[in-house]
């Protein structure tokens, strides 16, 4: 697997409950094409693609061990989320990155976050 940065959009963002899992990795504001849902369990889900934008952070490339730990945390082995490559927009540049996504049928059990911003929803 390649050393791509990681796009985070919810509880792994700085200032969120699980942000410390990524340690002191550098972060930059970024967005990806997709739709964001707030799930009843209290965390968000990204459905990649489409015309909407989901806003979050691009985190410097974690090492492979960290990605494996995050895969377990995100439920990748069980199929809750999948780690996929996406195009993240950082300023005027597009950067290839990893992101944890959910299939649309499962994500739609949640509420659509029209703004595409998890932290804005959490601050209400």
PDB file of N, CA and C in Angstrom:
ATOM      1  N   UNK A   1       0.838  -1.178   0.000  1.00  0.00           N
ATOM      2  CA  UNK A   1       0.000   0.000   0.000  1.00  0.00           C
ATOM      3  C   UNK A   1       0.886   1.246   0.000  1.00  0.00           C
ATOM      4  N   UNK A   2       0.403   2.253  -0.670  1.00  0.00           N
ATOM      5  CA  UNK A   2       1.208   3.466  -0.780  1.00  0.00           C
ATOM      6  C   UNK A   2       1.005   4.381   0.412  1.00  0.00           C
ATOM      7  N   UNK A   3       1.937   5.266   0.576  1.00  0.00           N
ATOM      8  CA  UNK A   3       1.904   6.209   1.695  1.00  0.00           C
ATOM      9  C   UNK A   3       1.121   7.450   1.320  1.00  0.00           C
ATOM     10  N   UNK A   4      -0.175   7.329   1.244  1.00  0.00           N
ATOM     11  CA  UNK A   4      -1.038   8.459   0.945  1.00  0.00           C
ATOM     12  C   UNK A   4      -1.418   9.159   2.236  1.00  0.00           C
ATOM     13  N   UNK A   5      -1.732  10.453   2.158  1.00  0.00           N
ATOM     14  CA  UNK A   5      -2.288  11.104   3.336  1.00  0.00           C
ATOM     15  C   UNK A   5      -3.677  10.533   3.612  1.00  0.00           C
ATOM     16  N   UNK A   6      -4.225  10.851   4.757  1.00  0.00           N
ATOM     17  CA  UNK A   6      -5.537  10.363   5.168  1.00  0.00           C
ATOM     18  C   UNK A   6      -6.492  11.537   5.290  1.00  0.00           C
ATOM     19  N   UNK A   7      -7.650  11.448   4.620  1.00  0.00           N
ATOM     20  CA  UNK A   7      -8.692  12.463   4.744  1.00  0.00           C
ATOM     21  C   UNK A   7      -9.612  12.045   5.888  1.00  0.00           C
ATOM     22  N   UNK A   8      -9.745  12.921   6.893  1.00  0.00           N
ATOM     23  CA  UNK A   8     -10.642  12.667   8.022  1.00  0.00           C
ATOM     24  C   UNK A   8     -11.706  13.749   8.045  1.00  0.00           C
ATOM     25  N   UNK A   9     -12.907  13.390   8.469  1.00  0.00           N
ATOM     26  CA  UNK A   9     -14.048  14.301   8.358  1.00  0.00           C
ATOM     27  C   UNK A   9     -14.963  14.283   9.575  1.00  0.00           C
ATOM     28  N   UNK A  10     -14.596  13.530  10.601  1.00  0.00           N
ATOM     29  CA  UNK A  10     -15.487  13.393  11.754  1.00  0.00           C
ATOM     30  C   UNK A  10     -14.728  13.309  13.055  1.00  0.00           C
ATOM     31  N   UNK A  11     -14.896  12.201  13.756  1.00  0.00           N
ATOM     32  CA  UNK A  11     -14.336  12.067  15.097  1.00  0.00           C
ATOM     33  C   UNK A  11     -12.816  12.003  15.132  1.00  0.00           C
ATOM     34  N   UNK A  12     -12.160  11.796  13.975  1.00  0.00           N
ATOM     35  CA  UNK A  12     -10.691  11.788  13.926  1.00  0.00           C
ATOM     36  C   UNK A  12     -10.103  13.173  13.659  1.00  0.00           C
ATOM     37  N   UNK A  13     -10.954  14.184  13.469  1.00  0.00           N
ATOM     38  CA  UNK A  13     -10.460  15.545  13.217  1.00  0.00           C
ATOM     39  C   UNK A  13      -9.886  16.144  14.498  1.00  0.00           C
ATOM     40  N   UNK A  14      -9.038  17.143  14.347  1.00  0.00           N
ATOM     41  CA  UNK A  14      -8.488  17.821  15.519  1.00  0.00           C
ATOM     42  C   UNK A  14      -9.643  18.450  16.296  1.00  0.00           C
ATOM     43  N   UNK A  15      -9.556  18.345  17.612  1.00  0.00           N
ATOM     44  CA  UNK A  15     -10.603  18.879  18.474  1.00  0.00           C
ATOM     45  C   UNK A  15     -11.764  17.930  18.705  1.00  0.00           C
ATOM     46  N   UNK A  16     -11.780  16.803  18.018  1.00  0.00           N
ATOM     47  CA  UNK A  16     -12.844  15.813  18.198  1.00  0.00           C
ATOM     48  C   UNK A  16     -12.352  14.690  19.114  1.00  0.00           C
ATOM     49  N   UNK A  17     -13.270  13.857  19.558  1.00  0.00           N
ATOM     50  CA  UNK A  17     -12.983  12.837  20.569  1.00  0.00           C
ATOM     51  C   UNK A  17     -11.829  11.908  20.202  1.00  0.00           C
ATOM     52  N   UNK A  18     -11.736  11.496  18.945  1.00  0.00           N
ATOM     53  CA  UNK A  18     -10.712  10.540  18.547  1.00  0.00           C
ATOM     54  C   UNK A  18      -9.539  11.180  17.799  1.00  0.00           C
ATOM     55  N   UNK A  19      -9.517  12.496  17.718  1.00  0.00           N
ATOM     56  CA  UNK A  19      -8.418  13.205  17.068  1.00  0.00           C
ATOM     57  C   UNK A  19      -7.046  12.819  17.586  1.00  0.00           C
ATOM     58  N   UNK A  20      -6.900  12.608  18.914  1.00  0.00           N
ATOM     59  CA  UNK A  20      -5.584  12.239  19.439  1.00  0.00           C
ATOM     60  C   UNK A  20      -5.038  10.910  18.908  1.00  0.00           C
ATOM     61  N   UNK A  21      -5.878  10.059  18.335  1.00  0.00           N
ATOM     62  CA  UNK A  21      -5.380   8.800  17.773  1.00  0.00           C
ATOM     63  C   UNK A  21      -4.333   9.035  16.683  1.00  0.00           C
ATOM     64  N   UNK A  22      -4.410  10.193  16.033  1.00  0.00           N
ATOM     65  CA  UNK A  22      -3.467  10.501  14.950  1.00  0.00           C
ATOM     66  C   UNK A  22      -2.239  11.262  15.441  1.00  0.00           C
ATOM     67  N   UNK A  23      -2.110  11.392  16.741  1.00  0.00           N
ATOM     68  CA  UNK A  23      -0.920  12.009  17.308  1.00  0.00           C
ATOM     69  C   UNK A  23      -0.709  13.432  16.842  1.00  0.00           C
ATOM     70  N   UNK A  24       0.544  13.771  16.596  1.00  0.00           N
ATOM     71  CA  UNK A  24       0.894  15.141  16.227  1.00  0.00           C
ATOM     72  C   UNK A  24       1.038  15.304  14.715  1.00  0.00           C
ATOM     73  N   UNK A  25       0.416  14.439  13.949  1.00  0.00           N
ATOM     74  CA  UNK A  25       0.498  14.532  12.485  1.00  0.00           C
ATOM     75  C   UNK A  25       0.016  15.900  12.016  1.00  0.00           C
ATOM     76  N   UNK A  26       0.720  16.462  11.036  1.00  0.00           N
ATOM     77  CA  UNK A  26       0.303  17.745  10.458  1.00  0.00           C
ATOM     78  C   UNK A  26      -1.044  17.572   9.767  1.00  0.00           C
ATOM     79  N   UNK A  27      -1.884  18.607   9.844  1.00  0.00           N
ATOM     80  CA  UNK A  27      -3.226  18.572   9.263  1.00  0.00           C
ATOM     81  C   UNK A  27      -3.447  19.824   8.428  1.00  0.00           C
ATOM     82  N   UNK A  28      -4.180  19.647   7.321  1.00  0.00           N
ATOM     83  CA  UNK A  28      -4.541  20.781   6.459  1.00  0.00           C
ATOM     84  C   UNK A  28      -6.018  20.674   6.127  1.00  0.00           C
ATOM     85  N   UNK A  29      -6.688  21.807   6.021  1.00  0.00           N
ATOM     86  CA  UNK A  29      -8.094  21.806   5.615  1.00  0.00           C
ATOM     87  C   UNK A  29      -8.205  21.218   4.215  1.00  0.00           C
ATOM     88  N   UNK A  30      -9.222  20.377   4.000  1.00  0.00           N
ATOM     89  CA  UNK A  30      -9.412  19.713   2.716  1.00  0.00           C
ATOM     90  C   UNK A  30     -10.882  19.369   2.551  1.00  0.00           C
ATOM     91  N   UNK A  31     -11.243  18.976   1.340  1.00  0.00           N
ATOM     92  CA  UNK A  31     -12.603  18.498   1.084  1.00  0.00           C
ATOM     93  C   UNK A  31     -12.551  17.431   0.003  1.00  0.00           C
ATOM     94  N   UNK A  32     -13.593  16.603  -0.031  1.00  0.00           N
ATOM     95  CA  UNK A  32     -13.732  15.570  -1.052  1.00  0.00           C
ATOM     96  C   UNK A  32     -15.161  15.604  -1.579  1.00  0.00           C
ATOM     97  N   UNK A  33     -15.358  15.069  -2.780  1.00  0.00           N
ATOM     98  CA  UNK A  33     -16.711  14.913  -3.307  1.00  0.00           C
ATOM     99  C   UNK A  33     -17.403  13.817  -2.516  1.00  0.00           C
ATOM    100  N   UNK A  34     -18.615  14.102  -2.077  1.00  0.00           N
ATOM    101  CA  UNK A  34     -19.346  13.085  -1.345  1.00  0.00           C
ATOM    102  C   UNK A  34     -20.513  13.653  -0.585  1.00  0.00           C
ATOM    103  N   UNK A  35     -21.119  12.789   0.201  1.00  0.00           N
ATOM    104  CA  UNK A  35     -22.264  13.137   1.037  1.00  0.00           C
ATOM    105  C   UNK A  35     -21.954  12.676   2.450  1.00  0.00           C
ATOM    106  N   UNK A  36     -22.316  13.506   3.424  1.00  0.00           N
ATOM    107  CA  UNK A  36     -22.046  13.204   4.824  1.00  0.00           C
ATOM    108  C   UNK A  36     -23.358  12.913   5.545  1.00  0.00           C
ATOM    109  N   UNK A  37     -23.343  11.867   6.364  1.00  0.00           N
ATOM    110  CA  UNK A  37     -24.499  11.495   7.174  1.00  0.00           C
ATOM    111  C   UNK A  37     -24.079  11.434   8.632  1.00  0.00           C
ATOM    112  N   UNK A  38     -24.970  11.861   9.535  1.00  0.00           N
ATOM    113  CA  UNK A  38     -24.767  11.716  10.973  1.00  0.00           C
ATOM    114  C   UNK A  38     -25.524  10.460  11.392  1.00  0.00           C
ATOM    115  N   UNK A  39     -24.802   9.459  11.840  1.00  0.00           N
ATOM    116  CA  UNK A  39     -25.416   8.190  12.203  1.00  0.00           C
ATOM    117  C   UNK A  39     -25.966   8.216  13.620  1.00  0.00           C
ATOM    118  N   UNK A  40     -26.994   7.423  13.899  1.00  0.00           N
ATOM    119  CA  UNK A  40     -27.581   7.398  15.243  1.00  0.00           C
ATOM    120  C   UNK A  40     -26.579   7.048  16.341  1.00  0.00           C
ATOM    121  N   UNK A  41     -25.520   6.320  16.000  1.00  0.00           N
ATOM    122  CA  UNK A  41     -24.509   5.928  16.993  1.00  0.00           C
ATOM    123  C   UNK A  41     -23.621   7.097  17.420  1.00  0.00           C
ATOM    124  N   UNK A  42     -23.759   8.274  16.770  1.00  0.00           N
ATOM    125  CA  UNK A  42     -23.008   9.458  17.195  1.00  0.00           C
ATOM    126  C   UNK A  42     -21.748   9.748  16.414  1.00  0.00           C
ATOM    127  N   UNK A  43     -21.599   9.154  15.256  1.00  0.00           N
ATOM    128  CA  UNK A  43     -20.441   9.458  14.414  1.00  0.00           C
ATOM    129  C   UNK A  43     -20.910   9.601  12.970  1.00  0.00           C
ATOM    130  N   UNK A  44     -20.067  10.216  12.123  1.00  0.00           N
ATOM    131  CA  UNK A  44     -20.476  10.458  10.734  1.00  0.00           C
ATOM    132  C   UNK A  44     -20.070   9.337   9.789  1.00  0.00           C
ATOM    133  N   UNK A  45     -20.677   9.372   8.614  1.00  0.00           N
ATOM    134  CA  UNK A  45     -20.319   8.444   7.540  1.00  0.00           C
ATOM    135  C   UNK A  45     -20.228   9.230   6.246  1.00  0.00           C
ATOM    136  N   UNK A  46     -19.191   8.966   5.491  1.00  0.00           N
ATOM    137  CA  UNK A  46     -18.971   9.571   4.181  1.00  0.00           C
ATOM    138  C   UNK A  46     -19.358   8.575   3.106  1.00  0.00           C
ATOM    139  N   UNK A  47     -20.199   9.030   2.175  1.00  0.00           N
ATOM    140  CA  UNK A  47     -20.457   8.276   0.952  1.00  0.00           C
ATOM    141  C   UNK A  47     -19.727   9.052  -0.134  1.00  0.00           C
ATOM    142  N   UNK A  48     -18.692   8.442  -0.703  1.00  0.00           N
ATOM    143  CA  UNK A  48     -17.841   9.136  -1.674  1.00  0.00           C
ATOM    144  C   UNK A  48     -18.541   9.284  -3.017  1.00  0.00           C
ATOM    145  N   UNK A  49     -18.187  10.362  -3.719  1.00  0.00           N
ATOM    146  CA  UNK A  49     -18.693  10.605  -5.067  1.00  0.00           C
ATOM    147  C   UNK A  49     -19.864  11.561  -5.072  1.00  0.00           C
ATOM    148  N   UNK A  50     -20.399  11.788  -6.253  1.00  0.00           N
ATOM    149  CA  UNK A  50     -21.520  12.708  -6.395  1.00  0.00           C
ATOM    150  C   UNK A  50     -21.063  14.143  -6.554  1.00  0.00           C
ATOM    151  N   UNK A  51     -21.972  15.062  -6.328  1.00  0.00           N
ATOM    152  CA  UNK A  51     -21.677  16.476  -6.555  1.00  0.00           C
ATOM    153  C   UNK A  51     -21.494  17.269  -5.269  1.00  0.00           C
ATOM    154  N   UNK A  52     -21.818  16.692  -4.117  1.00  0.00           N
ATOM    155  CA  UNK A  52     -21.656  17.397  -2.849  1.00  0.00           C
ATOM    156  C   UNK A  52     -20.207  17.430  -2.413  1.00  0.00           C
ATOM    157  N   UNK A  53     -19.922  18.207  -1.354  1.00  0.00           N
ATOM    158  CA  UNK A  53     -18.570  18.287  -0.794  1.00  0.00           C
ATOM    159  C   UNK A  53     -18.651  17.987   0.692  1.00  0.00           C
ATOM    160  N   UNK A  54     -17.693  17.203   1.137  1.00  0.00           N
ATOM    161  CA  UNK A  54     -17.529  16.925   2.558  1.00  0.00           C
ATOM    162  C   UNK A  54     -16.219  17.561   2.975  1.00  0.00           C
ATOM    163  N   UNK A  55     -16.261  18.319   4.064  1.00  0.00           N
ATOM    164  CA  UNK A  55     -15.107  19.090   4.526  1.00  0.00           C
ATOM    165  C   UNK A  55     -14.462  18.396   5.719  1.00  0.00           C
ATOM    166  N   UNK A  56     -13.153  18.451   5.736  1.00  0.00           N
ATOM    167  CA  UNK A  56     -12.418  17.830   6.826  1.00  0.00           C
ATOM    168  C   UNK A  56     -10.974  18.246   6.803  1.00  0.00           C
ATOM    169  N   UNK A  57     -10.104  17.312   7.134  1.00  0.00           N
ATOM    170  CA  UNK A  57      -8.666  17.572   7.208  1.00  0.00           C
ATOM    171  C   UNK A  57      -7.895  16.485   6.479  1.00  0.00           C
ATOM    172  N   UNK A  58      -6.813  16.884   5.885  1.00  0.00           N
ATOM    173  CA  UNK A  58      -5.874  15.947   5.293  1.00  0.00           C
ATOM    174  C   UNK A  58      -4.726  15.797   6.284  1.00  0.00           C
ATOM    175  N   UNK A  59      -4.488  14.571   6.703  1.00  0.00           N
ATOM    176  CA  UNK A  59      -3.473  14.278   7.710  1.00  0.00           C
ATOM    177  C   UNK A  59      -2.260  13.675   7.011  1.00  0.00           C
ATOM    178  N   UNK A  60      -1.068  14.129   7.400  1.00  0.00           N
ATOM    179  CA  UNK A  60       0.156  13.583   6.809  1.00  0.00           C
ATOM    180  C   UNK A  60       0.136  12.065   6.837  1.00  0.00           C
ATOM    181  N   UNK A  61       0.827  11.453   5.897  1.00  0.00           N
ATOM    182  CA  UNK A  61       0.743   9.999   5.767  1.00  0.00           C
ATOM    183  C   UNK A  61       1.087   9.264   7.047  1.00  0.00           C
ATOM    184  N   UNK A  62       0.104   8.564   7.587  1.00  0.00           N
ATOM    185  CA  UNK A  62       0.419   7.711   8.739  1.00  0.00           C
ATOM    186  C   UNK A  62       1.248   6.520   8.271  1.00  0.00           C
ATOM    187  N   UNK A  63       1.973   5.901   9.182  1.00  0.00           N
ATOM    188  CA  UNK A  63       2.695   4.709   8.777  1.00  0.00           C
ATOM    189  C   UNK A  63       1.710   3.543   8.636  1.00  0.00           C
ATOM    190  N   UNK A  64       2.170   2.456   8.043  1.00  0.00           N
ATOM    191  CA  UNK A  64       1.281   1.321   7.753  1.00  0.00           C
ATOM    192  C   UNK A  64       0.680   0.738   9.030  1.00  0.00           C
ATOM    193  N   UNK A  65       1.438   0.708  10.100  1.00  0.00           N
ATOM    194  CA  UNK A  65       0.917   0.180  11.372  1.00  0.00           C
ATOM    195  C   UNK A  65      -0.243   1.034  11.866  1.00  0.00           C
ATOM    196  N   UNK A  66      -0.098   2.356  11.786  1.00  0.00           N
ATOM    197  CA  UNK A  66      -1.171   3.251  12.209  1.00  0.00           C
ATOM    198  C   UNK A  66      -2.415   3.028  11.346  1.00  0.00           C
ATOM    199  N   UNK A  67      -2.232   2.868  10.040  1.00  0.00           N
ATOM    200  CA  UNK A  67      -3.381   2.612   9.168  1.00  0.00           C
ATOM    201  C   UNK A  67      -4.073   1.303   9.534  1.00  0.00           C
ATOM    202  N   UNK A  68      -3.314   0.294   9.879  1.00  0.00           N
ATOM    203  CA  UNK A  68      -3.922  -0.975  10.282  1.00  0.00           C
ATOM    204  C   UNK A  68      -4.724  -0.817  11.566  1.00  0.00           C
ATOM    205  N   UNK A  69      -4.196  -0.042  12.517  1.00  0.00           N
ATOM    206  CA  UNK A  69      -4.937   0.220  13.754  1.00  0.00           C
ATOM    207  C   UNK A  69      -6.216   1.005  13.467  1.00  0.00           C
ATOM    208  N   UNK A  70      -6.103   2.014  12.588  1.00  0.00           N
ATOM    209  CA  UNK A  70      -7.289   2.791  12.225  1.00  0.00           C
ATOM    210  C   UNK A  70      -8.305   1.930  11.471  1.00  0.00           C
ATOM    211  N   UNK A  71      -7.841   1.028  10.630  1.00  0.00           N
ATOM    212  CA  UNK A  71      -8.755   0.108   9.950  1.00  0.00           C
ATOM    213  C   UNK A  71      -9.578  -0.676  10.970  1.00  0.00           C
ATOM    214  N   UNK A  72      -8.915  -1.167  12.008  1.00  0.00           N
ATOM    215  CA  UNK A  72      -9.621  -1.912  13.051  1.00  0.00           C
ATOM    216  C   UNK A  72     -10.599  -0.996  13.786  1.00  0.00           C
ATOM    217  N   UNK A  73     -10.150   0.205  14.146  1.00  0.00           N
ATOM    218  CA  UNK A  73     -11.008   1.164  14.829  1.00  0.00           C
ATOM    219  C   UNK A  73     -12.241   1.496  13.985  1.00  0.00           C
ATOM    220  N   UNK A  74     -12.066   1.653  12.680  1.00  0.00           N
ATOM    221  CA  UNK A  74     -13.159   2.034  11.783  1.00  0.00           C
ATOM    222  C   UNK A  74     -14.023   0.843  11.351  1.00  0.00           C
ATOM    223  N   UNK A  75     -13.696  -0.343  11.812  1.00  0.00           N
ATOM    224  CA  UNK A  75     -14.510  -1.503  11.477  1.00  0.00           C
ATOM    225  C   UNK A  75     -14.308  -2.024  10.072  1.00  0.00           C
ATOM    226  N   UNK A  76     -13.128  -1.754   9.496  1.00  0.00           N
ATOM    227  CA  UNK A  76     -12.857  -2.215   8.125  1.00  0.00           C
ATOM    228  C   UNK A  76     -12.924  -3.741   8.026  1.00  0.00           C
ATOM    229  N   UNK A  77     -12.304  -4.466   8.967  1.00  0.00           N
ATOM    230  CA  UNK A  77     -12.367  -5.923   8.809  1.00  0.00           C
ATOM    231  C   UNK A  77     -13.801  -6.468   8.816  1.00  0.00           C
ATOM    232  N   UNK A  78     -14.699  -5.815   9.549  1.00  0.00           N
ATOM    233  CA  UNK A  78     -16.079  -6.282   9.658  1.00  0.00           C
ATOM    234  C   UNK A  78     -16.972  -5.724   8.557  1.00  0.00           C
ATOM    235  N   UNK A  79     -16.472  -4.765   7.778  1.00  0.00           N
ATOM    236  CA  UNK A  79     -17.255  -4.210   6.685  1.00  0.00           C
ATOM    237  C   UNK A  79     -18.080  -2.985   7.032  1.00  0.00           C
ATOM    238  N   UNK A  80     -17.887  -2.414   8.235  1.00  0.00           N
ATOM    239  CA  UNK A  80     -18.635  -1.202   8.591  1.00  0.00           C
ATOM    240  C   UNK A  80     -18.211  -0.051   7.680  1.00  0.00           C
ATOM    241  N   UNK A  81     -16.914   0.203   7.606  1.00  0.00           N
ATOM    242  CA  UNK A  81     -16.345   1.197   6.705  1.00  0.00           C
ATOM    243  C   UNK A  81     -15.365   0.491   5.776  1.00  0.00           C
ATOM    244  N   UNK A  82     -15.034   1.151   4.677  1.00  0.00           N
ATOM    245  CA  UNK A  82     -13.982   0.690   3.776  1.00  0.00           C
ATOM    246  C   UNK A  82     -12.981   1.824   3.621  1.00  0.00           C
ATOM    247  N   UNK A  83     -11.694   1.491   3.587  1.00  0.00           N
ATOM    248  CA  UNK A  83     -10.677   2.522   3.316  1.00  0.00           C
ATOM    249  C   UNK A  83     -10.439   2.530   1.820  1.00  0.00           C
ATOM    250  N   UNK A  84     -10.748   3.667   1.185  1.00  0.00           N
ATOM    251  CA  UNK A  84     -10.642   3.768  -0.272  1.00  0.00           C
ATOM    252  C   UNK A  84      -9.837   5.009  -0.644  1.00  0.00           C
ATOM    253  N   UNK A  85      -9.334   5.031  -1.870  1.00  0.00           N
ATOM    254  CA  UNK A  85      -8.633   6.213  -2.373  1.00  0.00           C
ATOM    255  C   UNK A  85      -9.650   7.207  -2.916  1.00  0.00           C
ATOM    256  N   UNK A  86      -9.442   8.480  -2.570  1.00  0.00           N
ATOM    257  CA  UNK A  86     -10.292   9.570  -3.033  1.00  0.00           C
ATOM    258  C   UNK A  86      -9.409  10.715  -3.501  1.00  0.00           C
ATOM    259  N   UNK A  87      -9.990  11.645  -4.231  1.00  0.00           N
ATOM    260  CA  UNK A  87      -9.310  12.886  -4.595  1.00  0.00           C
ATOM    261  C   UNK A  87      -9.726  13.949  -3.594  1.00  0.00           C
ATOM    262  N   UNK A  88      -8.759  14.444  -2.829  1.00  0.00           N
ATOM    263  CA  UNK A  88      -9.018  15.489  -1.842  1.00  0.00           C
ATOM    264  C   UNK A  88      -8.560  16.828  -2.402  1.00  0.00           C
ATOM    265  N   UNK A  89      -9.363  17.840  -2.197  1.00  0.00           N
ATOM    266  CA  UNK A  89      -8.989  19.182  -2.637  1.00  0.00           C
ATOM    267  C   UNK A  89      -8.412  19.939  -1.447  1.00  0.00           C
ATOM    268  N   UNK A  90      -7.185  20.429  -1.638  1.00  0.00           N
ATOM    269  CA  UNK A  90      -6.476  21.226  -0.631  1.00  0.00           C
ATOM    270  C   UNK A  90      -6.134  22.537  -1.314  1.00  0.00           C
ATOM    271  N   UNK A  91      -6.863  23.590  -0.994  1.00  0.00           N
ATOM    272  CA  UNK A  91      -6.677  24.842  -1.717  1.00  0.00           C
ATOM    273  C   UNK A  91      -7.033  24.635  -3.179  1.00  0.00           C
ATOM    274  N   UNK A  92      -6.117  24.942  -4.069  1.00  0.00           N
ATOM    275  CA  UNK A  92      -6.354  24.772  -5.504  1.00  0.00           C
ATOM    276  C   UNK A  92      -5.810  23.451  -6.040  1.00  0.00           C
ATOM    277  N   UNK A  93      -5.195  22.654  -5.164  1.00  0.00           N
ATOM    278  CA  UNK A  93      -4.599  21.384  -5.593  1.00  0.00           C
ATOM    279  C   UNK A  93      -5.522  20.214  -5.300  1.00  0.00           C
ATOM    280  N   UNK A  94      -5.354  19.155  -6.082  1.00  0.00           N
ATOM    281  CA  UNK A  94      -6.028  17.889  -5.819  1.00  0.00           C
ATOM    282  C   UNK A  94      -4.971  16.870  -5.433  1.00  0.00           C
ATOM    283  N   UNK A  95      -5.217  16.174  -4.348  1.00  0.00           N
ATOM    284  CA  UNK A  95      -4.269  15.228  -3.788  1.00  0.00           C
ATOM    285  C   UNK A  95      -4.975  13.885  -3.622  1.00  0.00           C
ATOM    286  N   UNK A  96      -4.323  12.816  -4.016  1.00  0.00           N
ATOM    287  CA  UNK A  96      -4.864  11.478  -3.797  1.00  0.00           C
ATOM    288  C   UNK A  96      -4.698  11.136  -2.322  1.00  0.00           C
ATOM    289  N   UNK A  97      -5.745  10.588  -1.688  1.00  0.00           N
ATOM    290  CA  UNK A  97      -5.707  10.316  -0.250  1.00  0.00           C
ATOM    291  C   UNK A  97      -6.567   9.102   0.082  1.00  0.00           C
ATOM    292  N   UNK A  98      -6.335   8.548   1.264  1.00  0.00           N
ATOM    293  CA  UNK A  98      -7.211   7.525   1.815  1.00  0.00           C
ATOM    294  C   UNK A  98      -8.373   8.215   2.513  1.00  0.00           C
ATOM    295  N   UNK A  99      -9.526   7.562   2.547  1.00  0.00           N
ATOM    296  CA  UNK A  99     -10.662   8.017   3.346  1.00  0.00           C
ATOM    297  C   UNK A  99     -11.477   6.799   3.745  1.00  0.00           C
ATOM    298  N   UNK A 100     -12.111   6.883   4.893  1.00  0.00           N
ATOM    299  CA  UNK A 100     -13.000   5.813   5.341  1.00  0.00           C
ATOM    300  C   UNK A 100     -14.407   6.154   4.873  1.00  0.00           C
ATOM    301  N   UNK A 101     -14.985   5.266   4.066  1.00  0.00           N
ATOM    302  CA  UNK A 101     -16.301   5.498   3.479  1.00  0.00           C
ATOM    303  C   UNK A 101     -17.257   4.380   3.883  1.00  0.00           C
ATOM    304  N   UNK A 102     -18.540   4.671   3.728  1.00  0.00           N
ATOM    305  CA  UNK A 102     -19.576   3.701   4.047  1.00  0.00           C
ATOM    306  C   UNK A 102     -20.476   3.549   2.832  1.00  0.00           C
ATOM    307  N   UNK A 103     -21.057   2.356   2.664  1.00  0.00           N
ATOM    308  CA  UNK A 103     -21.973   2.181   1.539  1.00  0.00           C
ATOM    309  C   UNK A 103     -23.243   2.996   1.799  1.00  0.00           C
ATOM    310  N   UNK A 104     -23.863   3.444   0.727  1.00  0.00           N
ATOM    311  CA  UNK A 104     -24.977   4.386   0.812  1.00  0.00           C
ATOM    312  C   UNK A 104     -26.167   3.811   1.573  1.00  0.00           C
ATOM    313  N   UNK A 105     -26.471   2.548   1.423  1.00  0.00           N
ATOM    314  CA  UNK A 105     -27.622   1.961   2.116  1.00  0.00           C
ATOM    315  C   UNK A 105     -27.447   2.040   3.636  1.00  0.00           C
ATOM    316  N   UNK A 106     -26.271   1.735   4.119  1.00  0.00           N
ATOM    317  CA  UNK A 106     -26.013   1.792   5.564  1.00  0.00           C
ATOM    318  C   UNK A 106     -25.956   3.251   6.036  1.00  0.00           C
ATOM    319  N   UNK A 107     -25.319   4.117   5.260  1.00  0.00           N
ATOM    320  CA  UNK A 107     -25.186   5.524   5.664  1.00  0.00           C
ATOM    321  C   UNK A 107     -26.550   6.217   5.756  1.00  0.00           C
ATOM    322  N   UNK A 108     -27.474   5.848   4.889  1.00  0.00           N
ATOM    323  CA  UNK A 108     -28.794   6.494   4.889  1.00  0.00           C
ATOM    324  C   UNK A 108     -29.633   6.159   6.111  1.00  0.00           C
ATOM    325  N   UNK A 109     -29.137   5.306   7.001  1.00  0.00           N
ATOM    326  CA  UNK A 109     -29.828   5.099   8.267  1.00  0.00           C
ATOM    327  C   UNK A 109     -29.636   6.322   9.156  1.00  0.00           C
ATOM    328  N   UNK A 110     -28.718   7.198   8.759  1.00  0.00           N
ATOM    329  CA  UNK A 110     -28.449   8.427   9.489  1.00  0.00           C
ATOM    330  C   UNK A 110     -29.168   9.608   8.867  1.00  0.00           C
ATOM    331  N   UNK A 111     -28.831  10.793   9.365  1.00  0.00           N
ATOM    332  CA  UNK A 111     -29.411  12.049   8.905  1.00  0.00           C
ATOM    333  C   UNK A 111     -28.416  12.757   7.992  1.00  0.00           C
ATOM    334  N   UNK A 112     -28.888  13.229   6.863  1.00  0.00           N
ATOM    335  CA  UNK A 112     -28.042  13.966   5.929  1.00  0.00           C
ATOM    336  C   UNK A 112     -27.505  15.235   6.589  1.00  0.00           C
ATOM    337  N   UNK A 113     -26.206  15.465   6.453  1.00  0.00           N
ATOM    338  CA  UNK A 113     -25.570  16.698   6.940  1.00  0.00           C
ATOM    339  C   UNK A 113     -25.360  17.565   5.702  1.00  0.00           C
ATOM    340  N   UNK A 114     -26.303  18.438   5.431  1.00  0.00           N
ATOM    341  CA  UNK A 114     -26.303  19.222   4.188  1.00  0.00           C
ATOM    342  C   UNK A 114     -25.052  20.071   3.999  1.00  0.00           C
ATOM    343  N   UNK A 115     -24.500  20.590   5.094  1.00  0.00           N
ATOM    344  CA  UNK A 115     -23.318  21.455   4.992  1.00  0.00           C
ATOM    345  C   UNK A 115     -22.061  20.656   4.645  1.00  0.00           C
ATOM    346  N   UNK A 116     -22.083  19.342   4.862  1.00  0.00           N
ATOM    347  CA  UNK A 116     -20.883  18.534   4.654  1.00  0.00           C
ATOM    348  C   UNK A 116     -19.823  18.765   5.714  1.00  0.00           C
ATOM    349  N   UNK A 117     -20.214  19.388   6.819  1.00  0.00           N
ATOM    350  CA  UNK A 117     -19.256  19.740   7.885  1.00  0.00           C
ATOM    351  C   UNK A 117     -19.699  19.124   9.209  1.00  0.00           C
ATOM    352  N   UNK A 118     -19.008  18.084   9.627  1.00  0.00           N
ATOM    353  CA  UNK A 118     -19.322  17.410  10.874  1.00  0.00           C
ATOM    354  C   UNK A 118     -19.156  18.329  12.074  1.00  0.00           C
ATOM    355  N   UNK A 119     -18.079  19.101  12.123  1.00  0.00           N
ATOM    356  CA  UNK A 119     -17.835  19.951  13.289  1.00  0.00           C
ATOM    357  C   UNK A 119     -18.896  21.037  13.424  1.00  0.00           C
ATOM    358  N   UNK A 120     -19.419  21.556  12.322  1.00  0.00           N
ATOM    359  CA  UNK A 120     -20.489  22.553  12.410  1.00  0.00           C
ATOM    360  C   UNK A 120     -21.748  21.927  13.019  1.00  0.00           C
ATOM    361  N   UNK A 121     -22.032  20.706  12.654  1.00  0.00           N
ATOM    362  CA  UNK A 121     -23.176  19.992  13.206  1.00  0.00           C
ATOM    363  C   UNK A 121     -22.994  19.765  14.693  1.00  0.00           C
ATOM    364  N   UNK A 122     -21.798  19.407  15.113  1.00  0.00           N
ATOM    365  CA  UNK A 122     -21.510  19.102  16.511  1.00  0.00           C
ATOM    366  C   UNK A 122     -21.583  20.343  17.394  1.00  0.00           C
ATOM    367  N   UNK A 123     -21.401  21.521  16.828  1.00  0.00           N
ATOM    368  CA  UNK A 123     -21.375  22.750  17.627  1.00  0.00           C
ATOM    369  C   UNK A 123     -22.765  23.341  17.861  1.00  0.00           C
ATOM    370  N   UNK A 124     -23.780  22.757  17.273  1.00  0.00           N
ATOM    371  CA  UNK A 124     -25.147  23.286  17.468  1.00  0.00           C
ATOM    372  C   UNK A 124     -25.606  23.143  18.873  1.00  0.00           C
TER     373      UNK A 124
END
